[in-house]
C-alpha atoms as a PDB file:
ATOM      1  CA  MET A   1       0.000   0.000   0.000  1.00  0.00           C
ATOM      2  CA  GLY A   2       1.410   3.397  -0.998  1.00  0.00           C
ATOM      3  CA  ALA A   3       1.390   6.559   1.075  1.00  0.00           C
ATOM      4  CA  PHE A   4      -1.532   7.912  -0.994  1.00  0.00           C
ATOM      5  CA  SER A   5      -3.559   4.755  -1.389  1.00  0.00           C
ATOM      6  CA  GLY A   6      -7.257   5.668  -1.431  1.00  0.00           C
ATOM      7  CA  LYS A   7      -6.492   9.348  -1.938  1.00  0.00           C
ATOM      8  CA  THR A   8      -7.175  11.673  -4.850  1.00  0.00           C
ATOM      9  CA  ALA A   9      -4.847  14.148  -6.525  1.00  0.00           C
ATOM     10  CA  VAL A  10      -5.321  16.724  -9.265  1.00  0.00           C
ATOM     11  CA  VAL A  11      -2.312  17.771 -11.357  1.00  0.00           C
ATOM     12  CA  THR A  12      -2.534  20.502 -13.990  1.00  0.00           C
ATOM     13  CA  GLY A  13      -0.102  20.717 -16.874  1.00  0.00           C
ATOM     14  CA  ALA A  14       0.315  16.947 -16.708  1.00  0.00           C
ATOM     15  CA  SER A  15       0.855  16.346 -20.423  1.00  0.00           C
ATOM     16  CA  SER A  16       4.632  16.515 -20.046  1.00  0.00           C
ATOM     17  CA  GLY A  17       7.520  17.804 -17.972  1.00  0.00           C
ATOM     18  CA  ILE A  18       7.086  18.487 -14.279  1.00  0.00           C
ATOM     19  CA  GLY A  19       3.341  17.802 -14.274  1.00  0.00           C
ATOM     20  CA  ARG A  20       3.772  14.393 -15.860  1.00  0.00           C
ATOM     21  CA  ALA A  21       6.594  13.502 -13.438  1.00  0.00           C
ATOM     22  CA  VAL A  22       4.481  14.551 -10.444  1.00  0.00           C
ATOM     23  CA  ALA A  23       1.497  12.562 -11.715  1.00  0.00           C
ATOM     24  CA  LEU A  24       3.692   9.489 -12.082  1.00  0.00           C
ATOM     25  CA  ARG A  25       5.145   9.828  -8.573  1.00  0.00           C
ATOM     26  CA  LEU A  26       1.661  10.250  -7.078  1.00  0.00           C
ATOM     27  CA  GLY A  27       0.366   7.261  -9.021  1.00  0.00           C
ATOM     28  CA  GLU A  28       3.268   5.147  -7.797  1.00  0.00           C
ATOM     29  CA  ALA A  29       2.307   6.188  -4.251  1.00  0.00           C
ATOM     30  CA  GLY A  30      -1.231   4.885  -4.780  1.00  0.00           C
ATOM     31  CA  ALA A  31      -3.209   8.037  -5.575  1.00  0.00           C
ATOM     32  CA  HIS A  32      -5.957   8.315  -8.140  1.00  0.00           C
ATOM     33  CA  VAL A  33      -4.540  11.104 -10.293  1.00  0.00           C
ATOM     34  CA  PHE A  34      -6.682  13.443 -12.360  1.00  0.00           C
ATOM     35  CA  ALA A  35      -4.193  14.602 -14.968  1.00  0.00           C
ATOM     36  CA  ALA A  36      -5.158  17.768 -16.819  1.00  0.00           C
ATOM     37  CA  GLY A  37      -3.579  19.254 -19.926  1.00  0.00           C
ATOM     38  CA  ARG A  38      -4.240  20.568 -23.399  1.00  0.00           C
ATOM     39  CA  ARG A  39      -2.749  17.721 -25.464  1.00  0.00           C
ATOM     40  CA  THR A  40      -4.941  14.642 -25.412  1.00  0.00           C
ATOM     41  CA  ASP A  41      -2.350  12.348 -26.997  1.00  0.00           C
ATOM     42  CA  ALA A  42       0.293  13.328 -24.434  1.00  0.00           C
ATOM     43  CA  LEU A  43      -2.227  12.978 -21.593  1.00  0.00           C
ATOM     44  CA  ALA A  44      -2.950   9.443 -22.751  1.00  0.00           C
ATOM     45  CA  GLY A  45       0.758   8.719 -22.335  1.00  0.00           C
ATOM     46  CA  THR A  46       0.696  10.122 -18.813  1.00  0.00           C
ATOM     47  CA  VAL A  47      -2.278   7.962 -17.883  1.00  0.00           C
ATOM     48  CA  GLU A  48      -0.599   4.903 -19.373  1.00  0.00           C
ATOM     49  CA  ALA A  49       2.578   5.574 -17.380  1.00  0.00           C
ATOM     50  CA  VAL A  50       0.679   6.080 -14.118  1.00  0.00           C
ATOM     51  CA  THR A  51      -1.330   2.901 -14.669  1.00  0.00           C
ATOM     52  CA  ALA A  52       1.803   0.927 -15.506  1.00  0.00           C
ATOM     53  CA  ALA A  53       3.311   2.119 -12.217  1.00  0.00           C
ATOM     54  CA  GLY A  54       0.361   0.664 -10.317  1.00  0.00           C
ATOM     55  CA  GLY A  55      -1.708   3.802  -9.893  1.00  0.00           C
ATOM     56  CA  ALA A  56      -5.043   4.966 -11.268  1.00  0.00           C
ATOM     57  CA  ALA A  57      -5.398   7.988 -13.512  1.00  0.00           C
ATOM     58  CA  THR A  58      -8.043   9.958 -15.354  1.00  0.00           C
ATOM     59  CA  ALA A  59      -7.106  12.202 -18.269  1.00  0.00           C
ATOM     60  CA  VAL A  60      -8.917  15.529 -18.476  1.00  0.00           C
ATOM     61  CA  ALA A  61      -8.351  17.631 -21.591  1.00  0.00           C
ATOM     62  CA  ALA A  62      -8.706  21.221 -20.440  1.00  0.00           C
ATOM     63  CA  GLU A  63      -7.812  24.737 -21.509  1.00  0.00           C
ATOM     64  CA  LEU A  64      -7.313  26.455 -18.162  1.00  0.00           C
ATOM     65  CA  ARG A  65      -7.578  30.054 -19.357  1.00  0.00           C
ATOM     66  CA  GLY A  66     -11.250  30.118 -18.372  1.00  0.00           C
ATOM     67  CA  PRO A  67     -11.831  30.166 -14.584  1.00  0.00           C
ATOM     68  CA  GLY A  68     -14.561  27.536 -14.884  1.00  0.00           C
ATOM     69  CA  ALA A  69     -12.182  24.935 -16.319  1.00  0.00           C
ATOM     70  CA  VAL A  70     -10.081  24.367 -13.228  1.00  0.00           C
ATOM     71  CA  GLN A  71     -13.158  24.493 -10.992  1.00  0.00           C
ATOM     72  CA  GLY A  72     -14.716  21.835 -13.208  1.00  0.00           C
ATOM     73  CA  LEU A  73     -11.586  19.730 -12.880  1.00  0.00           C
ATOM     74  CA  VAL A  74     -11.804  19.738  -9.081  1.00  0.00           C
ATOM     75  CA  ASP A  75     -15.553  19.088  -9.256  1.00  0.00           C
ATOM     76  CA  LEU A  76     -14.919  16.050 -11.471  1.00  0.00           C
ATOM     77  CA  ALA A  77     -12.405  14.608  -9.009  1.00  0.00           C
ATOM     78  CA  MET A  78     -14.864  15.094  -6.150  1.00  0.00           C
ATOM     79  CA  THR A  79     -17.761  13.577  -8.099  1.00  0.00           C
ATOM     80  CA  ASP A  80     -15.785  10.526  -9.199  1.00  0.00           C
ATOM     81  CA  THR A  81     -13.936   9.759  -5.964  1.00  0.00           C
ATOM     82  CA  GLY A  82     -15.692  11.747  -3.250  1.00  0.00           C
ATOM     83  CA  ARG A  83     -12.545  13.485  -2.093  1.00  0.00           C
ATOM     84  CA  LEU A  84      -9.510  15.625  -2.879  1.00  0.00           C
ATOM     85  CA  ASP A  85      -6.250  15.277  -0.975  1.00  0.00           C
ATOM     86  CA  VAL A  86      -3.612  16.869  -3.206  1.00  0.00           C
ATOM     87  CA  MET A  87      -3.850  19.763  -5.648  1.00  0.00           C
ATOM     88  CA  VAL A  88      -0.777  20.500  -7.779  1.00  0.00           C
ATOM     89  CA  ASN A  89      -1.111  23.738  -9.750  1.00  0.00           C
ATOM     90  CA  ASN A  90       1.645  23.207 -12.263  1.00  0.00           C
ATOM     91  CA  ALA A  91       0.271  24.460 -15.594  1.00  0.00           C
ATOM     92  CA  GLY A  92       2.149  27.454 -16.934  1.00  0.00           C
ATOM     93  CA  VAL A  93       3.077  29.227 -20.136  1.00  0.00           C
ATOM     94  CA  SER A  94       6.034  31.426 -21.014  1.00  0.00           C
ATOM     95  CA  PHE A  95       6.510  33.789 -23.930  1.00  0.00           C
ATOM     96  CA  ARG A  96       9.656  35.702 -24.700  1.00  0.00           C
ATOM     97  CA  GLY A  97       9.612  39.436 -25.283  1.00  0.00           C
ATOM     98  CA  SER A  98      10.618  42.624 -23.571  1.00  0.00           C
ATOM     99  CA  LEU A  99       8.229  44.768 -21.604  1.00  0.00           C
ATOM    100  CA  ALA A 100       8.905  47.639 -24.003  1.00  0.00           C
ATOM    101  CA  ASP A 101       8.083  45.634 -27.123  1.00  0.00           C
ATOM    102  CA  GLY A 102       6.113  42.598 -25.926  1.00  0.00           C
ATOM    103  CA  ASP A 103       2.653  41.537 -27.054  1.00  0.00           C
ATOM    104  CA  PRO A 104      -0.065  42.309 -24.455  1.00  0.00           C
ATOM    105  CA  GLU A 105      -2.034  39.268 -25.615  1.00  0.00           C
ATOM    106  CA  THR A 106       0.794  36.979 -24.508  1.00  0.00           C
ATOM    107  CA  TRP A 107       0.836  38.819 -21.186  1.00  0.00           C
ATOM    108  CA  ARG A 108      -2.881  38.152 -20.853  1.00  0.00           C
ATOM    109  CA  GLU A 109      -2.408  34.435 -21.509  1.00  0.00           C
ATOM    110  CA  MET A 110       0.404  34.226 -18.948  1.00  0.00           C
ATOM    111  CA  LEU A 111      -1.760  36.000 -16.369  1.00  0.00           C
ATOM    112  CA  GLU A 112      -4.758  33.776 -17.043  1.00  0.00           C
ATOM    113  CA  VAL A 113      -2.833  30.492 -16.896  1.00  0.00           C
ATOM    114  CA  ASN A 114       0.042  31.200 -14.505  1.00  0.00           C
ATOM    115  CA  VAL A 115      -1.845  33.317 -11.983  1.00  0.00           C
ATOM    116  CA  LEU A 116      -5.634  33.207 -12.316  1.00  0.00           C
ATOM    117  CA  ALA A 117      -6.007  29.472 -13.005  1.00  0.00           C
ATOM    118  CA  LEU A 118      -3.609  28.694 -10.163  1.00  0.00           C
ATOM    119  CA  THR A 119      -5.540  30.923  -7.753  1.00  0.00           C
ATOM    120  CA  VAL A 120      -8.914  29.516  -8.769  1.00  0.00           C
ATOM    121  CA  GLY A 121      -7.493  26.001  -8.523  1.00  0.00           C
ATOM    122  CA  SER A 122      -6.217  26.703  -5.019  1.00  0.00           C
ATOM    123  CA  GLN A 123      -9.579  28.132  -3.966  1.00  0.00           C
ATOM    124  CA  ALA A 124     -11.489  25.188  -5.430  1.00  0.00           C
ATOM    125  CA  ALA A 125      -9.124  22.767  -3.711  1.00  0.00           C
ATOM    126  CA  VAL A 126      -9.616  24.429  -0.310  1.00  0.00           C
ATOM    127  CA  ARG A 127     -13.381  24.156  -0.629  1.00  0.00           C
ATOM    128  CA  ALA A 128     -13.206  20.522  -1.736  1.00  0.00           C
ATOM    129  CA  MET A 129     -10.767  19.539   1.018  1.00  0.00           C
ATOM    130  CA  ARG A 130     -12.926  21.198   3.631  1.00  0.00           C
ATOM    131  CA  ALA A 131     -16.027  19.469   2.265  1.00  0.00           C
ATOM    132  CA  CYS A 132     -14.482  15.990   2.476  1.00  0.00           C
ATOM    133  CA  ARG A 133     -12.526  16.794   5.663  1.00  0.00           C
ATOM    134  CA  ALA A 134      -9.217  15.902   4.079  1.00  0.00           C
ATOM    135  CA  GLU A 135      -5.825  16.552   5.517  1.00  0.00           C
ATOM    136  CA  GLY A 136      -4.786  18.128   2.263  1.00  0.00           C
ATOM    137  CA  HIS A 137      -1.863  19.652   0.450  1.00  0.00           C
ATOM    138  CA  ILE A 138      -1.837  22.374  -2.188  1.00  0.00           C
ATOM    139  CA  VAL A 139       1.353  22.663  -4.232  1.00  0.00           C
ATOM    140  CA  ASN A 140       1.913  25.714  -6.418  1.00  0.00           C
ATOM    141  CA  ILE A 141       4.758  25.500  -8.907  1.00  0.00           C
ATOM    142  CA  SER A 142       6.639  28.792  -9.230  1.00  0.00           C
ATOM    143  CA  SER A 143       9.983  29.491 -10.926  1.00  0.00           C
ATOM    144  CA  SER A 144      13.406  30.834 -10.086  1.00  0.00           C
ATOM    145  CA  ALA A 145      12.593  33.528 -12.665  1.00  0.00           C
ATOM    146  CA  SER A 146      10.654  35.187  -9.845  1.00  0.00           C
ATOM    147  CA  ARG A 147      13.969  35.880  -8.117  1.00  0.00           C
ATOM    148  CA  LEU A 148      15.841  37.403 -11.020  1.00  0.00           C
ATOM    149  CA  GLU A 149      16.636  41.101 -11.016  1.00  0.00           C
ATOM    150  CA  ALA A 150      14.939  41.554 -14.389  1.00  0.00           C
ATOM    151  CA  PRO A 151      12.507  38.639 -14.689  1.00  0.00           C
ATOM    152  CA  GLY A 152      10.299  40.006 -17.455  1.00  0.00           C
ATOM    153  CA  PHE A 153       6.563  39.418 -17.557  1.00  0.00           C
ATOM    154  CA  TYR A 154       6.817  35.666 -17.027  1.00  0.00           C
ATOM    155  CA  GLY A 155       8.873  36.242 -13.890  1.00  0.00           C
ATOM    156  CA  ALA A 156       6.311  38.797 -12.754  1.00  0.00           C
ATOM    157  CA  THR A 157       3.562  36.181 -12.957  1.00  0.00           C
ATOM    158  CA  LYS A 158       5.657  33.772 -10.909  1.00  0.00           C
ATOM    159  CA  THR A 159       6.348  36.514  -8.349  1.00  0.00           C
ATOM    160  CA  ALA A 160       2.574  36.809  -8.067  1.00  0.00           C
ATOM    161  CA  VAL A 161       2.374  33.039  -7.534  1.00  0.00           C
ATOM    162  CA  ASN A 162       4.810  33.334  -4.620  1.00  0.00           C
ATOM    163  CA  ALA A 163       2.771  36.117  -3.017  1.00  0.00           C
ATOM    164  CA  ILE A 164      -0.572  34.384  -3.516  1.00  0.00           C
ATOM    165  CA  THR A 165       0.730  31.095  -2.119  1.00  0.00           C
ATOM    166  CA  ALA A 166       2.225  32.809   0.934  1.00  0.00           C
ATOM    167  CA  SER A 167      -1.088  34.550   1.624  1.00  0.00           C
ATOM    168  CA  LEU A 168      -3.065  31.329   1.261  1.00  0.00           C
ATOM    169  CA  ARG A 169      -0.627  29.505   3.540  1.00  0.00           C
ATOM    170  CA  ARG A 170      -1.273  32.111   6.241  1.00  0.00           C
ATOM    171  CA  GLU A 171      -5.059  31.940   5.741  1.00  0.00           C
ATOM    172  CA  LEU A 172      -5.077  28.169   6.208  1.00  0.00           C
ATOM    173  CA  GLU A 173      -3.016  27.943   9.384  1.00  0.00           C
ATOM    174  CA  GLY A 174      -6.168  26.901  11.247  1.00  0.00           C
ATOM    175  CA  ASP A 175      -7.088  24.213   8.711  1.00  0.00           C
ATOM    176  CA  PRO A 176      -5.494  20.788   8.214  1.00  0.00           C
ATOM    177  CA  ILE A 177      -4.408  21.967   4.764  1.00  0.00           C
ATOM    178  CA  ARG A 178      -0.800  22.750   4.030  1.00  0.00           C
ATOM    179  CA  VAL A 179       0.367  24.955   1.159  1.00  0.00           C
ATOM    180  CA  VAL A 180       3.821  24.795  -0.401  1.00  0.00           C
ATOM    181  CA  THR A 181       5.603  26.801  -3.076  1.00  0.00           C
ATOM    182  CA  VAL A 182       7.987  24.733  -5.196  1.00  0.00           C
ATOM    183  CA  ILE A 183      10.501  26.871  -7.086  1.00  0.00           C
ATOM    184  CA  PRO A 184      12.340  25.021  -9.865  1.00  0.00           C
ATOM    185  CA  GLY A 185      15.509  26.438 -11.351  1.00  0.00           C
ATOM    186  CA  PRO A 186      16.623  25.594 -14.916  1.00  0.00           C
ATOM    187  CA  THR A 187      14.899  22.313 -15.698  1.00  0.00           C
ATOM    188  CA  ALA A 188      14.857  20.056 -18.747  1.00  0.00           C
ATOM    189  CA  THR A 189      11.229  20.616 -19.758  1.00  0.00           C
ATOM    190  CA  ASN A 190       9.404  21.867 -22.826  1.00  0.00           C
ATOM    191  CA  LEU A 191       9.155  25.315 -21.223  1.00  0.00           C
ATOM    192  CA  ALA A 192      12.914  25.724 -21.539  1.00  0.00           C
ATOM    193  CA  ARG A 193      12.627  25.284 -25.302  1.00  0.00           C
ATOM    194  CA  HIS A 194      11.321  28.851 -25.478  1.00  0.00           C
ATOM    195  CA  HIS A 195      14.664  30.212 -24.209  1.00  0.00           C
ATOM    196  CA  PRO A 196      17.303  29.987 -26.955  1.00  0.00           C
ATOM    197  CA  ASP A 197      20.064  31.658 -24.910  1.00  0.00           C
ATOM    198  CA  LEU A 198      19.806  28.913 -22.289  1.00  0.00           C
ATOM    199  CA  LEU A 199      19.677  26.157 -24.899  1.00  0.00           C
ATOM    200  CA  ARG A 200      22.600  27.522 -26.892  1.00  0.00           C
ATOM    201  CA  GLY A 201      24.684  27.632 -23.722  1.00  0.00           C
ATOM    202  CA  VAL A 202      23.773  24.043 -22.891  1.00  0.00           C
ATOM    203  CA  ALA A 203      24.499  22.860 -26.430  1.00  0.00           C
ATOM    204  CA  ASN A 204      27.823  24.699 -26.524  1.00  0.00           C
ATOM    205  CA  SER A 205      28.835  23.136 -23.220  1.00  0.00           C
ATOM    206  CA  LEU A 206      28.329  19.752 -24.876  1.00  0.00           C
ATOM    207  CA  GLY A 207      30.260  20.789 -27.980  1.00  0.00           C
ATOM    208  CA  GLU A 208      27.179  20.621 -30.166  1.00  0.00           C
ATOM    209  CA  GLU A 209      25.209  22.849 -32.486  1.00  0.00           C
ATOM    210  CA  LEU A 210      21.695  23.655 -31.336  1.00  0.00           C
ATOM    211  CA  GLY A 211      20.188  23.507 -34.798  1.00  0.00           C
ATOM    212  CA  PRO A 212      17.377  25.654 -36.203  1.00  0.00           C
ATOM    213  CA  PRO A 213      14.068  26.095 -34.383  1.00  0.00           C
ATOM    214  CA  SER A 214      11.017  24.109 -35.457  1.00  0.00           C
ATOM    215  CA  ASP A 215       7.638  25.843 -35.185  1.00  0.00           C
ATOM    216  CA  GLY A 216       9.271  28.559 -33.122  1.00  0.00           C
ATOM    217  CA  LEU A 217      10.740  26.108 -30.591  1.00  0.00           C
ATOM    218  CA  PHE A 218      14.193  24.628 -30.270  1.00  0.00           C
ATOM    219  CA  PRO A 219      14.817  20.866 -30.248  1.00  0.00           C
ATOM    220  CA  THR A 220      14.838  18.990 -26.974  1.00  0.00           C
ATOM    221  CA  GLU A 221      17.889  16.823 -27.635  1.00  0.00           C
ATOM    222  CA  ALA A 222      20.387  19.249 -26.092  1.00  0.00           C
ATOM    223  CA  LEU A 223      18.193  19.536 -22.999  1.00  0.00           C
ATOM    224  CA  ASP A 224      17.899  15.783 -22.632  1.00  0.00           C
ATOM    225  CA  ARG A 225      21.642  15.202 -23.026  1.00  0.00           C
ATOM    226  CA  ALA A 226      22.533  18.005 -20.629  1.00  0.00           C
ATOM    227  CA  ALA A 227      20.189  16.657 -17.963  1.00  0.00           C
ATOM    228  CA  ALA A 228      21.712  13.200 -18.347  1.00  0.00           C
ATOM    229  CA  ALA A 229      25.338  14.348 -18.595  1.00  0.00           C
ATOM    230  CA  GLY A 230      25.721  16.270 -15.377  1.00  0.00           C
ATOM    231  CA  PRO A 231      24.387  18.789 -12.865  1.00  0.00           C
ATOM    232  CA  VAL A 232      23.604  21.553 -15.386  1.00  0.00           C
ATOM    233  CA  LEU A 233      19.842  21.178 -15.580  1.00  0.00           C
ATOM    234  CA  ALA A 234      17.443  19.661 -13.087  1.00  0.00           C
ATOM    235  CA  SER A 235      15.175  16.912 -14.377  1.00  0.00           C
ATOM    236  CA  ALA A 236      11.398  16.991 -14.118  1.00  0.00           C
ATOM    237  CA  ASP A 237      11.613  14.065 -11.704  1.00  0.00           C
ATOM    238  CA  ASP A 238      13.945  16.058  -9.435  1.00  0.00           C
ATOM    239  CA  VAL A 239      11.090  18.531  -8.984  1.00  0.00           C
ATOM    240  CA  ALA A 240       8.517  15.730  -8.601  1.00  0.00           C
ATOM    241  CA  ARG A 241      10.528  14.163  -5.779  1.00  0.00           C
ATOM    242  CA  ALA A 242      10.591  17.535  -4.006  1.00  0.00           C
ATOM    243  CA  VAL A 243       6.813  17.730  -4.323  1.00  0.00           C
ATOM    244  CA  LEU A 244       6.404  14.234  -2.901  1.00  0.00           C
ATOM    245  CA  PHE A 245       8.700  15.109   0.012  1.00  0.00           C
ATOM    246  CA  ALA A 246       6.601  18.149   0.914  1.00  0.00           C
ATOM    247  CA  ILE A 247       3.247  16.377   0.802  1.00  0.00           C
ATOM    248  CA  THR A 248       4.364  13.326   2.801  1.00  0.00           C
ATOM    249  CA  GLN A 249       5.273  15.348   5.875  1.00  0.00           C
ATOM    250  CA  PRO A 250       3.005  15.312   8.957  1.00  0.00           C
ATOM    251  CA  ILE A 251       0.073  17.677   8.575  1.00  0.00           C
ATOM    252  CA  ASP A 252       1.152  19.664  11.639  1.00  0.00           C
ATOM    253  CA  LEU A 253       4.394  20.582   9.840  1.00  0.00           C
ATOM    254  CA  SER A 254       4.447  23.326   7.217  1.00  0.00           C
ATOM    255  CA  ILE A 255       6.995  23.010   4.434  1.00  0.00           C
ATOM    256  CA  SER A 256       6.467  26.500   3.119  1.00  0.00           C
ATOM    257  CA  GLU A 257       8.907  26.569   0.211  1.00  0.00           C
ATOM    258  CA  ILE A 258      11.306  24.281  -1.644  1.00  0.00           C
ATOM    259  CA  SER A 259      13.801  25.545  -4.199  1.00  0.00           C
ATOM    260  CA  VAL A 260      15.058  22.888  -6.630  1.00  0.00           C
ATOM    261  CA  GLN A 261      18.219  23.935  -8.446  1.00  0.00           C
ATOM    262  CA  PRO A 262      20.828  22.094 -10.532  1.00  0.00           C
ATOM    263  CA  ALA A 263      24.159  21.792  -8.723  1.00  0.00           C
ATOM    264  CA  ARG A 264      25.836  23.906 -11.393  1.00  0.00           C
ATOM    265  CA  ARG A 265      24.258  26.817 -13.212  1.00  0.00           C
ATOM    266  CA  PRO A 266      23.904  26.190 -16.937  1.00  0.00           C
ATOM    267  CA  PRO A 267      26.021  28.370 -19.227  1.00  0.00           C
ATOM    268  CA  VAL A 268      24.150  31.049 -21.140  1.00  0.00           C
ATOM    269  CA  THR A 269      25.394  32.591 -24.356  1.00  0.00           C
ATOM    270  CA  ALA A 270      24.410  35.916 -25.802  1.00  0.00           C
END
C-alpha cells in the first residue's frame, strides 16, 4: 500500500515535464490522479505511465484560461472519488519578449494560466478539502525567474504566484491543509525550449550545435543530453521528488517553500 492509497490528486499541466513527473510519482504512491492538460495524446501517455506504475489515472483535456475549467476539474475529481487530498497547480506558459516591445495578448495568456487558473485552482481545492474533511496539500509550482533582477513578464507572474501562495498559507493555518511553493531552477522541460540563450549555452557546453528552431521552438535533444550528462539542468523528476517530500510530511508541519536547483548553473550565451 502506498502513502496515498485511497487518496485523490489533481495535477494541472500533466501532459509533459514536471506535471507528468508529479502525476507518475503520485500514481506510484497509490493516488488516483486526475491529470489535466491541453494535449490529449500526451495525456494518454501520462495515464498509461501512471497505470503501468500501479496507480489509477483519469485524463482531463482542459484549456485552463477560463476560470470555470479548473473548478470543473476539481468538481470532477470530487464527483468521481468523493474526495480531494492533493492539488498541484503546475500548468504554466512562457513567452519571450521585452516589456517595451512585448505583445499584451501573450501577457494576458500568462496571467490567465500562470496566476488566475492557479488561484482559482487553489480556492477550489480548499473548498473541496474542507467538504471531504481531508488533511490536504496544495502545491503551487513557481519558478526561479521570480527571483531574477529583471525577470520580465513571465517572472512577474511567478512573483505573483509566490505572493498568492504565501497569503493562502497564512489563511489556512487553522485548517489541516498545508500549502507549499515549489521553485524550480533551470529544468529540462518543454518550457525551456522557449529560451534559446539557455539552450545555446547548454548545447555549446556539450560541444554541439543547437540547430534551427522548429515551429518557433528549439529541439529537446540538447536539454535531454545536458540533464543526463551532469548537474547543469534539473530533471522533471527532481522537482517531482521535491513535491512528494513536501506532501508526505506530517500535517502539523508546514513546508512552506522548496527551491530545486541544478548543482551547477547552466552556461548562457548571448
